[in-house]
Amino acid sequence: MAKLQNVLAHNASRLRMVMGKTQKQIAVMAGVSQKTISTLETQDSPISPRLATLEAVATSFKLHPAILLLEGITDEALTDREVGIMIEKFAALPAHRKRQIIEMIRDYHALEEAGKKAG
């Protein structure tokens, strides 16, 4: 598992590039400095971003901040606002429902992997 700050840096940079924006444009949209965006996108930065910065950047793209912290997320999912809605709904579920959904996802991935090996 990658260091969370590096996942954030990678996703923030990818999101900006997918959206075709410069660091300066993102800074203006988020109401922060260009240096803040540069630091946010720096792997192994000695400076951890503030939660308010993370929220401002995500909000400027109308995305849930948690999306920027998901390791291995695809470009398509990174820019999909529905993913944020699903995260919020999942977070509001009772613990036993969360466990059921997680188990279903694990089963699905196991079937996918078995299909790849067989095919």
PDB file of N, CA and C in Angstrom:
ATOM      1  N   MET A   1       0.843  -1.173   0.000  1.00  0.00           N
ATOM      2  CA  MET A   1       0.000   0.000   0.000  1.00  0.00           C
ATOM      3  C   MET A   1       0.893   1.243   0.000  1.00  0.00           C
ATOM      4  N   ALA A   2       0.573   2.151  -0.884  1.00  0.00           N
ATOM      5  CA  ALA A   2       1.359   3.379  -1.015  1.00  0.00           C
ATOM      6  C   ALA A   2       1.060   4.344   0.136  1.00  0.00           C
ATOM      7  N   LYS A   3       2.017   5.193   0.402  1.00  0.00           N
ATOM      8  CA  LYS A   3       1.855   6.239   1.399  1.00  0.00           C
ATOM      9  C   LYS A   3       0.701   7.154   0.956  1.00  0.00           C
ATOM     10  N   LEU A   4      -0.221   7.442   1.851  1.00  0.00           N
ATOM     11  CA  LEU A   4      -1.425   8.204   1.529  1.00  0.00           C
ATOM     12  C   LEU A   4      -1.106   9.544   0.872  1.00  0.00           C
ATOM     13  N   GLN A   5      -0.091  10.222   1.344  1.00  0.00           N
ATOM     14  CA  GLN A   5       0.271  11.513   0.768  1.00  0.00           C
ATOM     15  C   GLN A   5       0.701  11.356  -0.694  1.00  0.00           C
ATOM     16  N   ASN A   6       1.368  10.241  -1.014  1.00  0.00           N
ATOM     17  CA  ASN A   6       1.778  10.002  -2.399  1.00  0.00           C
ATOM     18  C   ASN A   6       0.583   9.647  -3.281  1.00  0.00           C
ATOM     19  N   VAL A   7      -0.379   8.923  -2.722  1.00  0.00           N
ATOM     20  CA  VAL A   7      -1.615   8.625  -3.464  1.00  0.00           C
ATOM     21  C   VAL A   7      -2.327   9.936  -3.788  1.00  0.00           C
ATOM     22  N   LEU A   8      -2.427  10.818  -2.802  1.00  0.00           N
ATOM     23  CA  LEU A   8      -3.061  12.119  -3.007  1.00  0.00           C
ATOM     24  C   LEU A   8      -2.310  12.916  -4.077  1.00  0.00           C
ATOM     25  N   ALA A   9      -0.995  12.955  -3.996  1.00  0.00           N
ATOM     26  CA  ALA A   9      -0.190  13.709  -4.965  1.00  0.00           C
ATOM     27  C   ALA A   9      -0.410  13.168  -6.374  1.00  0.00           C
ATOM     28  N   HIS A  10      -0.389  11.861  -6.502  1.00  0.00           N
ATOM     29  CA  HIS A  10      -0.575  11.222  -7.803  1.00  0.00           C
ATOM     30  C   HIS A  10      -1.968  11.524  -8.361  1.00  0.00           C
ATOM     31  N   ASN A  11      -2.997  11.347  -7.530  1.00  0.00           N
ATOM     32  CA  ASN A  11      -4.369  11.568  -7.999  1.00  0.00           C
ATOM     33  C   ASN A  11      -4.648  13.033  -8.310  1.00  0.00           C
ATOM     34  N   ALA A  12      -4.122  13.929  -7.505  1.00  0.00           N
ATOM     35  CA  ALA A  12      -4.341  15.362  -7.753  1.00  0.00           C
ATOM     36  C   ALA A  12      -3.708  15.775  -9.073  1.00  0.00           C
ATOM     37  N   SER A  13      -2.518  15.282  -9.329  1.00  0.00           N
ATOM     38  CA  SER A  13      -1.835  15.586 -10.576  1.00  0.00           C
ATOM     39  C   SER A  13      -2.581  14.983 -11.771  1.00  0.00           C
ATOM     40  N   ARG A  14      -2.990  13.717 -11.656  1.00  0.00           N
ATOM     41  CA  ARG A  14      -3.744  13.063 -12.729  1.00  0.00           C
ATOM     42  C   ARG A  14      -5.055  13.789 -12.991  1.00  0.00           C
ATOM     43  N   LEU A  15      -5.768  14.149 -11.936  1.00  0.00           N
ATOM     44  CA  LEU A  15      -7.045  14.840 -12.095  1.00  0.00           C
ATOM     45  C   LEU A  15      -6.845  16.144 -12.855  1.00  0.00           C
ATOM     46  N   ARG A  16      -5.826  16.886 -12.471  1.00  0.00           N
ATOM     47  CA  ARG A  16      -5.557  18.158 -13.137  1.00  0.00           C
ATOM     48  C   ARG A  16      -5.269  17.935 -14.619  1.00  0.00           C
ATOM     49  N   MET A  17      -4.464  16.925 -14.918  1.00  0.00           N
ATOM     50  CA  MET A  17      -4.111  16.661 -16.322  1.00  0.00           C
ATOM     51  C   MET A  17      -5.323  16.161 -17.125  1.00  0.00           C
ATOM     52  N   VAL A  18      -6.103  15.269 -16.516  1.00  0.00           N
ATOM     53  CA  VAL A  18      -7.307  14.758 -17.188  1.00  0.00           C
ATOM     54  C   VAL A  18      -8.264  15.899 -17.501  1.00  0.00           C
ATOM     55  N   MET A  19      -8.342  16.850 -16.608  1.00  0.00           N
ATOM     56  CA  MET A  19      -9.242  17.986 -16.794  1.00  0.00           C
ATOM     57  C   MET A  19      -8.627  19.066 -17.689  1.00  0.00           C
ATOM     58  N   GLY A  20      -7.352  18.883 -18.060  1.00  0.00           N
ATOM     59  CA  GLY A  20      -6.702  19.836 -18.956  1.00  0.00           C
ATOM     60  C   GLY A  20      -6.453  21.200 -18.333  1.00  0.00           C
ATOM     61  N   LYS A  21      -6.118  21.209 -17.048  1.00  0.00           N
ATOM     62  CA  LYS A  21      -5.900  22.463 -16.313  1.00  0.00           C
ATOM     63  C   LYS A  21      -4.440  22.596 -15.895  1.00  0.00           C
ATOM     64  N   THR A  22      -4.015  23.836 -15.700  1.00  0.00           N
ATOM     65  CA  THR A  22      -2.682  24.102 -15.150  1.00  0.00           C
ATOM     66  C   THR A  22      -2.791  24.182 -13.629  1.00  0.00           C
ATOM     67  N   GLN A  23      -1.648  24.139 -12.970  1.00  0.00           N
ATOM     68  CA  GLN A  23      -1.652  24.303 -11.514  1.00  0.00           C
ATOM     69  C   GLN A  23      -2.237  25.661 -11.139  1.00  0.00           C
ATOM     70  N   LYS A  24      -1.912  26.678 -11.900  1.00  0.00           N
ATOM     71  CA  LYS A  24      -2.428  28.024 -11.622  1.00  0.00           C
ATOM     72  C   LYS A  24      -3.953  28.052 -11.743  1.00  0.00           C
ATOM     73  N   GLN A  25      -4.504  27.413 -12.773  1.00  0.00           N
ATOM     74  CA  GLN A  25      -5.951  27.381 -12.942  1.00  0.00           C
ATOM     75  C   GLN A  25      -6.637  26.659 -11.776  1.00  0.00           C
ATOM     76  N   ILE A  26      -6.055  25.552 -11.356  1.00  0.00           N
ATOM     77  CA  ILE A  26      -6.619  24.817 -10.218  1.00  0.00           C
ATOM     78  C   ILE A  26      -6.546  25.672  -8.958  1.00  0.00           C
ATOM     79  N   ALA A  27      -5.437  26.357  -8.787  1.00  0.00           N
ATOM     80  CA  ALA A  27      -5.264  27.226  -7.611  1.00  0.00           C
ATOM     81  C   ALA A  27      -6.351  28.294  -7.566  1.00  0.00           C
ATOM     82  N   VAL A  28      -6.607  28.918  -8.695  1.00  0.00           N
ATOM     83  CA  VAL A  28      -7.641  29.959  -8.758  1.00  0.00           C
ATOM     84  C   VAL A  28      -9.009  29.351  -8.447  1.00  0.00           C
ATOM     85  N   MET A  29      -9.315  28.188  -9.056  1.00  0.00           N
ATOM     86  CA  MET A  29     -10.605  27.526  -8.830  1.00  0.00           C
ATOM     87  C   MET A  29     -10.796  27.159  -7.360  1.00  0.00           C
ATOM     88  N   ALA A  30      -9.697  26.715  -6.710  1.00  0.00           N
ATOM     89  CA  ALA A  30      -9.776  26.245  -5.327  1.00  0.00           C
ATOM     90  C   ALA A  30      -9.568  27.360  -4.306  1.00  0.00           C
ATOM     91  N   GLY A  31      -9.125  28.522  -4.774  1.00  0.00           N
ATOM     92  CA  GLY A  31      -8.889  29.626  -3.844  1.00  0.00           C
ATOM     93  C   GLY A  31      -7.637  29.450  -3.011  1.00  0.00           C
ATOM     94  N   VAL A  32      -6.623  28.806  -3.603  1.00  0.00           N
ATOM     95  CA  VAL A  32      -5.346  28.607  -2.912  1.00  0.00           C
ATOM     96  C   VAL A  32      -4.234  29.094  -3.840  1.00  0.00           C
ATOM     97  N   SER A  33      -3.015  29.078  -3.355  1.00  0.00           N
ATOM     98  CA  SER A  33      -1.893  29.524  -4.185  1.00  0.00           C
ATOM     99  C   SER A  33      -1.438  28.404  -5.130  1.00  0.00           C
ATOM    100  N   GLN A  34      -0.743  28.801  -6.195  1.00  0.00           N
ATOM    101  CA  GLN A  34      -0.182  27.825  -7.126  1.00  0.00           C
ATOM    102  C   GLN A  34       0.864  26.975  -6.414  1.00  0.00           C
ATOM    103  N   LYS A  35       1.595  27.573  -5.479  1.00  0.00           N
ATOM    104  CA  LYS A  35       2.591  26.838  -4.696  1.00  0.00           C
ATOM    105  C   LYS A  35       1.919  25.738  -3.867  1.00  0.00           C
ATOM    106  N   THR A  36       0.724  26.006  -3.358  1.00  0.00           N
ATOM    107  CA  THR A  36      -0.017  25.002  -2.592  1.00  0.00           C
ATOM    108  C   THR A  36      -0.362  23.814  -3.483  1.00  0.00           C
ATOM    109  N   ILE A  37      -0.796  24.079  -4.707  1.00  0.00           N
ATOM    110  CA  ILE A  37      -1.123  22.997  -5.643  1.00  0.00           C
ATOM    111  C   ILE A  37       0.140  22.223  -6.000  1.00  0.00           C
ATOM    112  N   SER A  38       1.231  22.932  -6.227  1.00  0.00           N
ATOM    113  CA  SER A  38       2.498  22.273  -6.538  1.00  0.00           C
ATOM    114  C   SER A  38       2.910  21.343  -5.397  1.00  0.00           C
ATOM    115  N   THR A  39       2.797  21.810  -4.175  1.00  0.00           N
ATOM    116  CA  THR A  39       3.145  20.999  -3.005  1.00  0.00           C
ATOM    117  C   THR A  39       2.213  19.799  -2.893  1.00  0.00           C
ATOM    118  N   LEU A  40       0.933  20.015  -3.137  1.00  0.00           N
ATOM    119  CA  LEU A  40      -0.062  18.941  -3.068  1.00  0.00           C
ATOM    120  C   LEU A  40       0.283  17.822  -4.056  1.00  0.00           C
ATOM    121  N   GLU A  41       0.812  18.187  -5.211  1.00  0.00           N
ATOM    122  CA  GLU A  41       1.129  17.222  -6.260  1.00  0.00           C
ATOM    123  C   GLU A  41       2.527  16.615  -6.132  1.00  0.00           C
ATOM    124  N   THR A  42       3.281  16.991  -5.105  1.00  0.00           N
ATOM    125  CA  THR A  42       4.661  16.522  -4.948  1.00  0.00           C
ATOM    126  C   THR A  42       4.709  15.233  -4.138  1.00  0.00           C
ATOM    127  N   GLN A  43       5.254  14.172  -4.772  1.00  0.00           N
ATOM    128  CA  GLN A  43       5.441  12.891  -4.084  1.00  0.00           C
ATOM    129  C   GLN A  43       6.454  13.084  -2.953  1.00  0.00           C
ATOM    130  N   ASP A  44       6.209  12.442  -1.826  1.00  0.00           N
ATOM    131  CA  ASP A  44       7.094  12.484  -0.660  1.00  0.00           C
ATOM    132  C   ASP A  44       7.389  13.898  -0.172  1.00  0.00           C
ATOM    133  N   SER A  45       6.430  14.787  -0.350  1.00  0.00           N
ATOM    134  CA  SER A  45       6.604  16.156   0.122  1.00  0.00           C
ATOM    135  C   SER A  45       6.741  16.163   1.644  1.00  0.00           C
ATOM    136  N   PRO A  46       7.646  16.982   2.177  1.00  0.00           N
ATOM    137  CA  PRO A  46       7.769  17.069   3.630  1.00  0.00           C
ATOM    138  C   PRO A  46       6.609  17.852   4.259  1.00  0.00           C
ATOM    139  N   ILE A  47       5.789  18.472   3.411  1.00  0.00           N
ATOM    140  CA  ILE A  47       4.662  19.271   3.894  1.00  0.00           C
ATOM    141  C   ILE A  47       3.361  18.537   3.593  1.00  0.00           C
ATOM    142  N   SER A  48       2.604  18.227   4.631  1.00  0.00           N
ATOM    143  CA  SER A  48       1.310  17.575   4.440  1.00  0.00           C
ATOM    144  C   SER A  48       0.252  18.634   4.149  1.00  0.00           C
ATOM    145  N   PRO A  49      -0.616  18.365   3.175  1.00  0.00           N
ATOM    146  CA  PRO A  49      -1.657  19.348   2.861  1.00  0.00           C
ATOM    147  C   PRO A  49      -2.701  19.412   3.973  1.00  0.00           C
ATOM    148  N   ARG A  50      -3.265  20.573   4.145  1.00  0.00           N
ATOM    149  CA  ARG A  50      -4.352  20.744   5.118  1.00  0.00           C
ATOM    150  C   ARG A  50      -5.616  20.122   4.549  1.00  0.00           C
ATOM    151  N   LEU A  51      -6.481  19.648   5.423  1.00  0.00           N
ATOM    152  CA  LEU A  51      -7.753  19.076   4.974  1.00  0.00           C
ATOM    153  C   LEU A  51      -8.576  20.103   4.206  1.00  0.00           C
ATOM    154  N   ALA A  52      -8.500  21.347   4.629  1.00  0.00           N
ATOM    155  CA  ALA A  52      -9.239  22.412   3.939  1.00  0.00           C
ATOM    156  C   ALA A  52      -8.762  22.551   2.494  1.00  0.00           C
ATOM    157  N   THR A  53      -7.459  22.342   2.258  1.00  0.00           N
ATOM    158  CA  THR A  53      -6.920  22.413   0.902  1.00  0.00           C
ATOM    159  C   THR A  53      -7.441  21.252   0.070  1.00  0.00           C
ATOM    160  N   LEU A  54      -7.386  20.060   0.636  1.00  0.00           N
ATOM    161  CA  LEU A  54      -7.911  18.880  -0.045  1.00  0.00           C
ATOM    162  C   LEU A  54      -9.380  19.084  -0.421  1.00  0.00           C
ATOM    163  N   GLU A  55     -10.142  19.573   0.519  1.00  0.00           N
ATOM    164  CA  GLU A  55     -11.569  19.814   0.274  1.00  0.00           C
ATOM    165  C   GLU A  55     -11.775  20.888  -0.792  1.00  0.00           C
ATOM    166  N   ALA A  56     -10.995  21.950  -0.744  1.00  0.00           N
ATOM    167  CA  ALA A  56     -11.140  23.042  -1.715  1.00  0.00           C
ATOM    168  C   ALA A  56     -10.817  22.565  -3.129  1.00  0.00           C
ATOM    169  N   VAL A  57      -9.766  21.759  -3.265  1.00  0.00           N
ATOM    170  CA  VAL A  57      -9.389  21.249  -4.582  1.00  0.00           C
ATOM    171  C   VAL A  57     -10.477  20.312  -5.107  1.00  0.00           C
ATOM    172  N   ALA A  58     -10.913  19.385  -4.281  1.00  0.00           N
ATOM    173  CA  ALA A  58     -11.961  18.448  -4.705  1.00  0.00           C
ATOM    174  C   ALA A  58     -13.258  19.183  -5.037  1.00  0.00           C
ATOM    175  N   THR A  59     -13.623  20.121  -4.206  1.00  0.00           N
ATOM    176  CA  THR A  59     -14.857  20.876  -4.417  1.00  0.00           C
ATOM    177  C   THR A  59     -14.792  21.698  -5.693  1.00  0.00           C
ATOM    178  N   SER A  60     -13.630  22.196  -6.040  1.00  0.00           N
ATOM    179  CA  SER A  60     -13.507  22.980  -7.268  1.00  0.00           C
ATOM    180  C   SER A  60     -13.826  22.128  -8.499  1.00  0.00           C
ATOM    181  N   PHE A  61     -13.659  20.811  -8.372  1.00  0.00           N
ATOM    182  CA  PHE A  61     -14.017  19.888  -9.451  1.00  0.00           C
ATOM    183  C   PHE A  61     -15.374  19.228  -9.215  1.00  0.00           C
ATOM    184  N   LYS A  62     -16.056  19.658  -8.152  1.00  0.00           N
ATOM    185  CA  LYS A  62     -17.344  19.071  -7.765  1.00  0.00           C
ATOM    186  C   LYS A  62     -17.211  17.570  -7.492  1.00  0.00           C
ATOM    187  N   LEU A  63     -16.126  17.215  -6.804  1.00  0.00           N
ATOM    188  CA  LEU A  63     -15.855  15.828  -6.446  1.00  0.00           C
ATOM    189  C   LEU A  63     -15.796  15.668  -4.935  1.00  0.00           C
ATOM    190  N   HIS A  64     -16.046  14.464  -4.459  1.00  0.00           N
ATOM    191  CA  HIS A  64     -15.909  14.154  -3.040  1.00  0.00           C
ATOM    192  C   HIS A  64     -14.413  14.069  -2.722  1.00  0.00           C
ATOM    193  N   PRO A  65     -13.941  14.695  -1.639  1.00  0.00           N
ATOM    194  CA  PRO A  65     -12.505  14.677  -1.319  1.00  0.00           C
ATOM    195  C   PRO A  65     -11.913  13.277  -1.175  1.00  0.00           C
ATOM    196  N   ALA A  66     -12.709  12.317  -0.740  1.00  0.00           N
ATOM    197  CA  ALA A  66     -12.195  10.952  -0.553  1.00  0.00           C
ATOM    198  C   ALA A  66     -11.698  10.344  -1.853  1.00  0.00           C
ATOM    199  N   ILE A  67     -12.227  10.787  -2.976  1.00  0.00           N
ATOM    200  CA  ILE A  67     -11.802  10.254  -4.270  1.00  0.00           C
ATOM    201  C   ILE A  67     -10.310  10.480  -4.483  1.00  0.00           C
ATOM    202  N   LEU A  68      -9.808  11.604  -4.014  1.00  0.00           N
ATOM    203  CA  LEU A  68      -8.388  11.908  -4.196  1.00  0.00           C
ATOM    204  C   LEU A  68      -7.481  11.011  -3.352  1.00  0.00           C
ATOM    205  N   LEU A  69      -8.065  10.268  -2.428  1.00  0.00           N
ATOM    206  CA  LEU A  69      -7.280   9.424  -1.530  1.00  0.00           C
ATOM    207  C   LEU A  69      -7.370   7.943  -1.880  1.00  0.00           C
ATOM    208  N   LEU A  70      -8.052   7.623  -2.988  1.00  0.00           N
ATOM    209  CA  LEU A  70      -8.237   6.226  -3.370  1.00  0.00           C
ATOM    210  C   LEU A  70      -7.080   5.748  -4.248  1.00  0.00           C
ATOM    211  N   GLU A  71      -6.366   4.771  -3.736  1.00  0.00           N
ATOM    212  CA  GLU A  71      -5.229   4.214  -4.468  1.00  0.00           C
ATOM    213  C   GLU A  71      -5.724   3.356  -5.632  1.00  0.00           C
ATOM    214  N   GLY A  72      -5.097   3.515  -6.797  1.00  0.00           N
ATOM    215  CA  GLY A  72      -5.419   2.687  -7.945  1.00  0.00           C
ATOM    216  C   GLY A  72      -6.692   3.064  -8.678  1.00  0.00           C
ATOM    217  N   ILE A  73      -7.265   4.211  -8.378  1.00  0.00           N
ATOM    218  CA  ILE A  73      -8.505   4.632  -9.028  1.00  0.00           C
ATOM    219  C   ILE A  73      -8.227   4.975 -10.491  1.00  0.00           C
ATOM    220  N   THR A  74      -9.151   4.599 -11.357  1.00  0.00           N
ATOM    221  CA  THR A  74      -8.984   4.873 -12.788  1.00  0.00           C
ATOM    222  C   THR A  74      -9.260   6.344 -13.080  1.00  0.00           C
ATOM    223  N   ASP A  75      -8.774   6.803 -14.230  1.00  0.00           N
ATOM    224  CA  ASP A  75      -9.049   8.187 -14.631  1.00  0.00           C
ATOM    225  C   ASP A  75     -10.546   8.427 -14.736  1.00  0.00           C
ATOM    226  N   GLU A  76     -11.256   7.442 -15.265  1.00  0.00           N
ATOM    227  CA  GLU A  76     -12.711   7.579 -15.410  1.00  0.00           C
ATOM    228  C   GLU A  76     -13.392   7.742 -14.049  1.00  0.00           C
ATOM    229  N   ALA A  77     -13.034   6.894 -13.090  1.00  0.00           N
ATOM    230  CA  ALA A  77     -13.638   6.973 -11.756  1.00  0.00           C
ATOM    231  C   ALA A  77     -13.190   8.231 -11.019  1.00  0.00           C
ATOM    232  N   LEU A  78     -11.953   8.659 -11.285  1.00  0.00           N
ATOM    233  CA  LEU A  78     -11.420   9.859 -10.631  1.00  0.00           C
ATOM    234  C   LEU A  78     -12.270  11.086 -10.934  1.00  0.00           C
ATOM    235  N   THR A  79     -12.840  11.139 -12.119  1.00  0.00           N
ATOM    236  CA  THR A  79     -13.634  12.305 -12.529  1.00  0.00           C
ATOM    237  C   THR A  79     -15.134  12.054 -12.472  1.00  0.00           C
ATOM    238  N   ASP A  80     -15.549  10.902 -11.970  1.00  0.00           N
ATOM    239  CA  ASP A  80     -16.968  10.538 -11.929  1.00  0.00           C
ATOM    240  C   ASP A  80     -17.596  11.004 -10.619  1.00  0.00           C
ATOM    241  N   ARG A  81     -18.502  11.945 -10.706  1.00  0.00           N
ATOM    242  CA  ARG A  81     -19.152  12.491  -9.505  1.00  0.00           C
ATOM    243  C   ARG A  81     -19.999  11.444  -8.779  1.00  0.00           C
ATOM    244  N   GLU A  82     -20.462  10.434  -9.521  1.00  0.00           N
ATOM    245  CA  GLU A  82     -21.257   9.360  -8.908  1.00  0.00           C
ATOM    246  C   GLU A  82     -20.445   8.584  -7.869  1.00  0.00           C
ATOM    247  N   VAL A  83     -19.150   8.470  -8.080  1.00  0.00           N
ATOM    248  CA  VAL A  83     -18.301   7.747  -7.132  1.00  0.00           C
ATOM    249  C   VAL A  83     -18.366   8.438  -5.762  1.00  0.00           C
ATOM    250  N   GLY A  84     -18.317   9.752  -5.759  1.00  0.00           N
ATOM    251  CA  GLY A  84     -18.422  10.499  -4.503  1.00  0.00           C
ATOM    252  C   GLY A  84     -19.756  10.289  -3.820  1.00  0.00           C
ATOM    253  N   ILE A  85     -20.817  10.258  -4.601  1.00  0.00           N
ATOM    254  CA  ILE A  85     -22.153  10.012  -4.035  1.00  0.00           C
ATOM    255  C   ILE A  85     -22.199   8.625  -3.408  1.00  0.00           C
ATOM    256  N   MET A  86     -21.608   7.634  -4.104  1.00  0.00           N
ATOM    257  CA  MET A  86     -21.581   6.273  -3.552  1.00  0.00           C
ATOM    258  C   MET A  86     -20.781   6.221  -2.250  1.00  0.00           C
ATOM    259  N   ILE A  87     -19.675   6.951  -2.187  1.00  0.00           N
ATOM    260  CA  ILE A  87     -18.858   6.980  -0.969  1.00  0.00           C
ATOM    261  C   ILE A  87     -19.682   7.538   0.190  1.00  0.00           C
ATOM    262  N   GLU A  88     -20.390   8.632  -0.045  1.00  0.00           N
ATOM    263  CA  GLU A  88     -21.202   9.237   1.004  1.00  0.00           C
ATOM    264  C   GLU A  88     -22.313   8.292   1.465  1.00  0.00           C
ATOM    265  N   LYS A  89     -22.981   7.634   0.518  1.00  0.00           N
ATOM    266  CA  LYS A  89     -24.057   6.701   0.886  1.00  0.00           C
ATOM    267  C   LYS A  89     -23.507   5.496   1.638  1.00  0.00           C
ATOM    268  N   PHE A  90     -22.360   4.989   1.200  1.00  0.00           N
ATOM    269  CA  PHE A  90     -21.742   3.857   1.877  1.00  0.00           C
ATOM    270  C   PHE A  90     -21.381   4.235   3.313  1.00  0.00           C
ATOM    271  N   ALA A  91     -20.812   5.417   3.491  1.00  0.00           N
ATOM    272  CA  ALA A  91     -20.398   5.866   4.826  1.00  0.00           C
ATOM    273  C   ALA A  91     -21.583   5.961   5.780  1.00  0.00           C
ATOM    274  N   ALA A  92     -22.766   6.227   5.253  1.00  0.00           N
ATOM    275  CA  ALA A  92     -23.953   6.392   6.095  1.00  0.00           C
ATOM    276  C   ALA A  92     -24.624   5.060   6.459  1.00  0.00           C
ATOM    277  N   LEU A  93     -24.194   3.969   5.855  1.00  0.00           N
ATOM    278  CA  LEU A  93     -24.812   2.663   6.115  1.00  0.00           C
ATOM    279  C   LEU A  93     -24.428   2.116   7.486  1.00  0.00           C
ATOM    280  N   PRO A  94     -25.295   1.291   8.056  1.00  0.00           N
ATOM    281  CA  PRO A  94     -24.930   0.596   9.297  1.00  0.00           C
ATOM    282  C   PRO A  94     -23.789  -0.392   9.013  1.00  0.00           C
ATOM    283  N   ALA A  95     -23.026  -0.710  10.029  1.00  0.00           N
ATOM    284  CA  ALA A  95     -21.830  -1.544   9.886  1.00  0.00           C
ATOM    285  C   ALA A  95     -22.128  -2.886   9.225  1.00  0.00           C
ATOM    286  N   HIS A  96     -23.230  -3.525   9.581  1.00  0.00           N
ATOM    287  CA  HIS A  96     -23.508  -4.846   9.001  1.00  0.00           C
ATOM    288  C   HIS A  96     -23.786  -4.754   7.495  1.00  0.00           C
ATOM    289  N   ARG A  97     -24.381  -3.671   7.042  1.00  0.00           N
ATOM    290  CA  ARG A  97     -24.626  -3.481   5.604  1.00  0.00           C
ATOM    291  C   ARG A  97     -23.304  -3.214   4.869  1.00  0.00           C
ATOM    292  N   LYS A  98     -22.416  -2.449   5.516  1.00  0.00           N
ATOM    293  CA  LYS A  98     -21.104  -2.201   4.912  1.00  0.00           C
ATOM    294  C   LYS A  98     -20.362  -3.515   4.720  1.00  0.00           C
ATOM    295  N   ARG A  99     -20.400  -4.380   5.730  1.00  0.00           N
ATOM    296  CA  ARG A  99     -19.715  -5.673   5.632  1.00  0.00           C
ATOM    297  C   ARG A  99     -20.291  -6.509   4.486  1.00  0.00           C
ATOM    298  N   GLN A 100     -21.618  -6.476   4.338  1.00  0.00           N
ATOM    299  CA  GLN A 100     -22.251  -7.223   3.249  1.00  0.00           C
ATOM    300  C   GLN A 100     -21.775  -6.716   1.881  1.00  0.00           C
ATOM    301  N   ILE A 101     -21.728  -5.425   1.726  1.00  0.00           N
ATOM    302  CA  ILE A 101     -21.300  -4.845   0.448  1.00  0.00           C
ATOM    303  C   ILE A 101     -19.833  -5.164   0.179  1.00  0.00           C
ATOM    304  N   ILE A 102     -19.007  -5.038   1.191  1.00  0.00           N
ATOM    305  CA  ILE A 102     -17.581  -5.357   1.029  1.00  0.00           C
ATOM    306  C   ILE A 102     -17.411  -6.816   0.620  1.00  0.00           C
ATOM    307  N   GLU A 103     -18.176  -7.705   1.232  1.00  0.00           N
ATOM    308  CA  GLU A 103     -18.104  -9.126   0.887  1.00  0.00           C
ATOM    309  C   GLU A 103     -18.553  -9.363  -0.553  1.00  0.00           C
ATOM    310  N   MET A 104     -19.587  -8.685  -0.994  1.00  0.00           N
ATOM    311  CA  MET A 104     -20.052  -8.809  -2.382  1.00  0.00           C
ATOM    312  C   MET A 104     -18.977  -8.330  -3.352  1.00  0.00           C
ATOM    313  N   ILE A 105     -18.317  -7.232  -3.023  1.00  0.00           N
ATOM    314  CA  ILE A 105     -17.255  -6.701  -3.884  1.00  0.00           C
ATOM    315  C   ILE A 105     -16.085  -7.679  -3.939  1.00  0.00           C
ATOM    316  N   ARG A 106     -15.714  -8.246  -2.800  1.00  0.00           N
ATOM    317  CA  ARG A 106     -14.625  -9.239  -2.784  1.00  0.00           C
ATOM    318  C   ARG A 106     -14.985 -10.443  -3.644  1.00  0.00           C
ATOM    319  N   ASP A 107     -16.229 -10.923  -3.516  1.00  0.00           N
ATOM    320  CA  ASP A 107     -16.680 -12.060  -4.323  1.00  0.00           C
ATOM    321  C   ASP A 107     -16.624 -11.719  -5.809  1.00  0.00           C
ATOM    322  N   TYR A 108     -17.052 -10.530  -6.158  1.00  0.00           N
ATOM    323  CA  TYR A 108     -17.029 -10.088  -7.551  1.00  0.00           C
ATOM    324  C   TYR A 108     -15.602 -10.082  -8.092  1.00  0.00           C
ATOM    325  N   HIS A 109     -14.684  -9.521  -7.325  1.00  0.00           N
ATOM    326  CA  HIS A 109     -13.283  -9.467  -7.763  1.00  0.00           C
ATOM    327  C   HIS A 109     -12.678 -10.864  -7.874  1.00  0.00           C
ATOM    328  N   ALA A 110     -13.049 -11.750  -6.967  1.00  0.00           N
ATOM    329  CA  ALA A 110     -12.554 -13.133  -7.041  1.00  0.00           C
ATOM    330  C   ALA A 110     -13.048 -13.797  -8.319  1.00  0.00           C
ATOM    331  N   LEU A 111     -14.305 -13.573  -8.685  1.00  0.00           N
ATOM    332  CA  LEU A 111     -14.855 -14.124  -9.928  1.00  0.00           C
ATOM    333  C   LEU A 111     -14.157 -13.523 -11.147  1.00  0.00           C
ATOM    334  N   GLU A 112     -13.906 -12.235 -11.112  1.00  0.00           N
ATOM    335  CA  GLU A 112     -13.198 -11.573 -12.211  1.00  0.00           C
ATOM    336  C   GLU A 112     -11.812 -12.168 -12.395  1.00  0.00           C
ATOM    337  N   GLU A 113     -11.084 -12.346 -11.302  1.00  0.00           N
ATOM    338  CA  GLU A 113      -9.733 -12.906 -11.360  1.00  0.00           C
ATOM    339  C   GLU A 113      -9.766 -14.349 -11.866  1.00  0.00           C
ATOM    340  N   ALA A 114     -10.739 -15.119 -11.414  1.00  0.00           N
ATOM    341  CA  ALA A 114     -10.877 -16.513 -11.870  1.00  0.00           C
ATOM    342  C   ALA A 114     -11.171 -16.553 -13.361  1.00  0.00           C
ATOM    343  N   GLY A 115     -11.987 -15.624 -13.827  1.00  0.00           N
ATOM    344  CA  GLY A 115     -12.311 -15.541 -15.255  1.00  0.00           C
ATOM    345  C   GLY A 115     -11.102 -15.173 -16.089  1.00  0.00           C
ATOM    346  N   LYS A 116     -10.259 -14.290 -15.567  1.00  0.00           N
ATOM    347  CA  LYS A 116      -9.037 -13.894 -16.288  1.00  0.00           C
ATOM    348  C   LYS A 116      -8.080 -15.075 -16.412  1.00  0.00           C
ATOM    349  N   LYS A 117      -7.968 -15.860 -15.338  1.00  0.00           N
ATOM    350  CA  LYS A 117      -7.055 -16.998 -15.341  1.00  0.00           C
ATOM    351  C   LYS A 117      -7.561 -18.093 -16.265  1.00  0.00           C
ATOM    352  N   ALA A 118      -8.886 -18.260 -16.308  1.00  0.00           N
ATOM    353  CA  ALA A 118      -9.478 -19.312 -17.145  1.00  0.00           C
ATOM    354  C   ALA A 118      -9.487 -18.924 -18.614  1.00  0.00           C
ATOM    355  N   GLY A 119      -9.572 -17.621 -18.885  1.00  0.00           N
ATOM    356  CA  GLY A 119      -9.708 -17.162 -20.260  1.00  0.00           C
ATOM    357  C   GLY A 119      -8.457 -16.722 -20.835  1.00  0.00           C
TER     358      GLY A 119
END
